Amino acid sequence: MKKILLILLLILAAHLLWRWWSNDDSAVLDGRGQEIVYDRLWVDHIPKSDTDTFQIFAAVTEQPIGVFQAGSSWKGSWELFRYDNKGDGKIVFVYPQTRESERGSYRATKCSEKGFDYCLELAGNSRGARRYYSQKGWELRGTHGFDELKARVEALEPFAPSAAPRE
């Protein structure tokens, strides 16, 4: 009986050690991934050309505001929103320009799709994509001012237009 108990304890210890060792992310995700949804840039895909339209989503916690943006390197549009984080994957989007509001939900997980580290599913919003992706290093915490945030967004655009038109 003691040998069986000792073997079970060793197996449990090995399993816990393996889980600790394989977790290379400092944030342990809850069931809906609230730890990674906010204060991070999300894209629906990396553009394949300078005219490929892609979508960006971001929501910052310092002041509960965010943005849905769609565009290419040449043309785009955006809409800012306020939000109320209801917890457990629930969010209310409020669009001040139109005075509309929408109840939505999210689920963010670690993933390895399309070369990204995180996946986000958004439901209930009519402004953006339903699925977004992000990477380690795309966090917005520590971003000071509009110019630094703009530089981070532009770094995602590998096909930024040059000063001179192409011939």
Protein backbone atom coordinates (compact mmCIF):
# COMPACT_ATOMS: atom_id res chain seq x y z
CA MET A 1 0.00 0.00 0.00
CA LYS A 2 2.84 2.40 0.84
CA LYS A 3 4.54 1.66 -2.49
CA ILE A 4 1.36 2.46 -4.44
CA LEU A 5 0.86 5.71 -2.51
CA LEU A 6 4.49 6.69 -3.08
CA ILE A 7 4.19 5.97 -6.83
CA LEU A 8 0.98 8.02 -7.08
CA LEU A 9 2.62 10.94 -5.25
CA LEU A 10 5.63 10.78 -7.58
CA ILE A 11 3.36 10.76 -10.64
CA LEU A 12 1.40 13.73 -9.27
CA ALA A 13 4.61 15.63 -8.49
CA ALA A 14 5.98 14.91 -11.97
CA HIS A 15 2.74 16.11 -13.57
CA LEU A 16 2.70 19.34 -11.55
CA LEU A 17 6.37 19.95 -12.31
CA TRP A 18 5.75 19.40 -16.03
CA ARG A 19 2.82 21.87 -16.02
CA TRP A 20 4.89 24.48 -14.20
CA TRP A 21 7.86 23.95 -16.52
CA SER A 22 5.83 24.13 -19.73
CA ASN A 23 3.98 27.33 -18.76
CA ASP A 24 6.22 29.99 -20.30
CA ASP A 25 3.62 32.76 -20.02
CA SER A 26 3.50 34.85 -16.85
CA ALA A 27 -0.28 35.24 -17.04
CA VAL A 28 -2.36 32.26 -16.03
CA LEU A 29 -5.54 32.50 -18.05
CA ASP A 30 -8.93 32.23 -16.43
CA GLY A 31 -11.79 30.57 -18.24
CA ARG A 32 -12.41 33.55 -20.59
CA GLY A 33 -8.88 35.00 -20.77
CA GLN A 34 -9.62 38.42 -19.27
CA GLU A 35 -5.93 38.79 -18.37
CA ILE A 36 -4.95 39.07 -22.03
CA VAL A 37 -8.00 40.67 -23.70
CA TYR A 38 -7.34 44.17 -22.41
CA ASP A 39 -4.25 46.36 -22.91
CA ARG A 40 -3.19 44.44 -26.01
CA LEU A 41 -3.35 44.94 -29.79
CA TRP A 42 -5.37 42.36 -31.72
CA VAL A 43 -5.50 41.87 -35.52
CA ASP A 44 -7.67 39.62 -37.64
CA HIS A 45 -4.66 38.78 -39.85
CA ILE A 46 -1.32 40.18 -41.00
CA PRO A 47 -1.87 41.93 -44.34
CA LYS A 48 -0.39 40.25 -47.41
CA SER A 49 -0.02 43.46 -49.42
CA ASP A 50 -0.31 47.21 -48.97
CA THR A 51 -3.95 47.12 -50.15
CA ASP A 52 -5.03 44.12 -48.04
CA THR A 53 -7.62 45.34 -45.53
CA PHE A 54 -7.21 44.07 -41.98
CA GLN A 55 -8.95 44.82 -38.69
CA ILE A 56 -7.55 45.90 -35.33
CA PHE A 57 -9.19 45.72 -31.92
CA ALA A 58 -7.82 47.21 -28.70
CA ALA A 59 -9.36 48.03 -25.31
CA VAL A 60 -7.33 49.77 -22.61
CA THR A 61 -8.05 49.57 -18.91
CA GLU A 62 -6.50 52.87 -17.76
CA GLN A 63 -9.61 54.59 -19.09
CA PRO A 64 -12.17 52.08 -20.32
CA ILE A 65 -11.98 52.97 -24.00
CA GLY A 66 -11.14 51.02 -27.11
CA VAL A 67 -11.08 51.03 -30.87
CA PHE A 68 -12.29 49.01 -33.82
CA GLN A 69 -10.22 49.84 -36.89
CA ALA A 70 -10.40 48.51 -40.46
CA GLY A 71 -7.96 49.52 -43.13
CA SER A 72 -4.99 48.92 -45.35
CA SER A 73 -1.77 50.86 -45.59
CA TRP A 74 -3.59 53.34 -47.85
CA LYS A 75 -7.10 53.73 -46.47
CA GLY A 76 -8.94 53.02 -43.28
CA SER A 77 -11.66 53.83 -40.79
CA TRP A 78 -12.03 53.51 -37.06
CA GLU A 79 -14.57 53.89 -34.31
CA LEU A 80 -13.80 54.51 -30.66
CA PHE A 81 -15.95 53.03 -27.94
CA ARG A 82 -16.33 53.04 -24.20
CA TYR A 83 -16.85 49.73 -22.48
CA ASP A 84 -18.05 48.21 -19.27
CA ASN A 85 -16.29 44.97 -18.37
CA LYS A 86 -18.97 42.80 -16.76
CA GLY A 87 -16.54 39.99 -15.92
CA ASP A 88 -16.76 36.33 -16.87
CA GLY A 89 -16.27 37.12 -20.55
CA LYS A 90 -19.08 39.69 -20.77
CA ILE A 91 -18.64 43.25 -22.03
CA VAL A 92 -20.91 46.16 -22.97
CA PHE A 93 -19.70 48.36 -25.86
CA VAL A 94 -20.96 51.97 -25.90
CA TYR A 95 -20.43 54.02 -29.08
CA PRO A 96 -20.61 57.74 -28.12
CA GLN A 97 -20.92 59.01 -31.72
CA THR A 98 -24.16 57.12 -32.40
CA ARG A 99 -25.25 56.62 -28.77
CA GLU A 100 -25.63 52.91 -29.48
CA SER A 101 -24.64 50.12 -27.12
CA GLU A 102 -24.16 46.39 -27.58
CA ARG A 103 -23.76 43.51 -25.19
CA GLY A 104 -20.94 41.24 -26.22
CA SER A 105 -18.81 38.39 -25.02
CA TYR A 106 -15.21 37.34 -25.46
CA ARG A 107 -12.96 34.35 -25.02
CA ALA A 108 -9.17 34.68 -25.26
CA THR A 109 -6.85 31.69 -25.23
CA LYS A 110 -3.26 30.78 -25.87
CA CYS A 111 -2.95 29.38 -29.36
CA SER A 112 -0.46 28.83 -32.14
CA GLU A 113 -2.67 29.59 -35.13
CA LYS A 114 -1.14 31.48 -38.06
CA GLY A 115 2.06 32.06 -36.07
CA PHE A 116 0.33 33.99 -33.27
CA ASP A 117 0.48 33.38 -29.50
CA TYR A 118 -3.11 34.29 -28.56
CA CYS A 119 -6.59 33.98 -30.11
CA LEU A 120 -9.63 36.11 -29.28
CA GLU A 121 -13.23 35.38 -30.18
CA LEU A 122 -15.59 38.38 -29.93
CA ALA A 123 -19.35 37.90 -30.18
CA GLY A 124 -22.20 40.39 -30.09
CA ASN A 125 -20.41 43.35 -31.65
CA SER A 126 -21.33 44.67 -35.08
CA ARG A 127 -18.20 46.77 -35.66
CA GLY A 128 -15.25 44.40 -35.91
CA ALA A 129 -14.15 40.91 -36.80
CA ARG A 130 -15.28 37.88 -34.86
CA ARG A 131 -11.78 36.38 -34.48
CA TYR A 132 -8.55 38.22 -33.69
CA TYR A 133 -4.95 37.24 -33.00
CA SER A 134 -2.14 38.72 -30.93
CA GLN A 135 1.46 38.04 -29.98
CA LYS A 136 3.69 38.38 -26.98
CA GLY A 137 5.11 41.90 -27.04
CA TRP A 138 1.91 43.51 -28.34
CA GLU A 139 0.89 44.62 -24.84
CA LEU A 140 -0.19 48.24 -24.47
CA ARG A 141 0.69 48.73 -20.82
CA GLY A 142 3.53 51.18 -20.50
CA THR A 143 2.57 52.99 -23.70
CA HIS A 144 2.84 56.71 -23.02
CA GLY A 145 0.97 59.03 -25.31
CA PHE A 146 -0.61 58.87 -28.71
CA ASP A 147 2.68 58.95 -30.66
CA GLU A 148 3.99 55.80 -28.97
CA LEU A 149 0.68 53.97 -29.46
CA LYS A 150 0.62 55.04 -33.12
CA ALA A 151 4.16 53.73 -33.56
CA ARG A 152 3.14 50.35 -32.11
CA VAL A 153 0.17 50.10 -34.47
CA GLU A 154 2.30 51.11 -37.47
CA ALA A 155 4.84 48.43 -36.55
CA LEU A 156 2.09 45.91 -37.31
CA GLU A 157 1.77 47.22 -40.86
CA PRO A 158 4.58 45.55 -42.80
CA PHE A 159 3.49 47.19 -46.05
CA ALA A 160 3.41 50.86 -45.01
CA PRO A 161 3.27 53.09 -48.11
CA SER A 162 6.51 54.80 -49.09
CA ALA A 163 6.77 58.55 -49.58
CA ALA A 164 6.90 58.18 -53.36
CA PRO A 165 4.26 56.31 -55.39
CA ARG A 166 5.36 53.04 -57.02
CA GLU A 167 5.90 52.99 -60.73
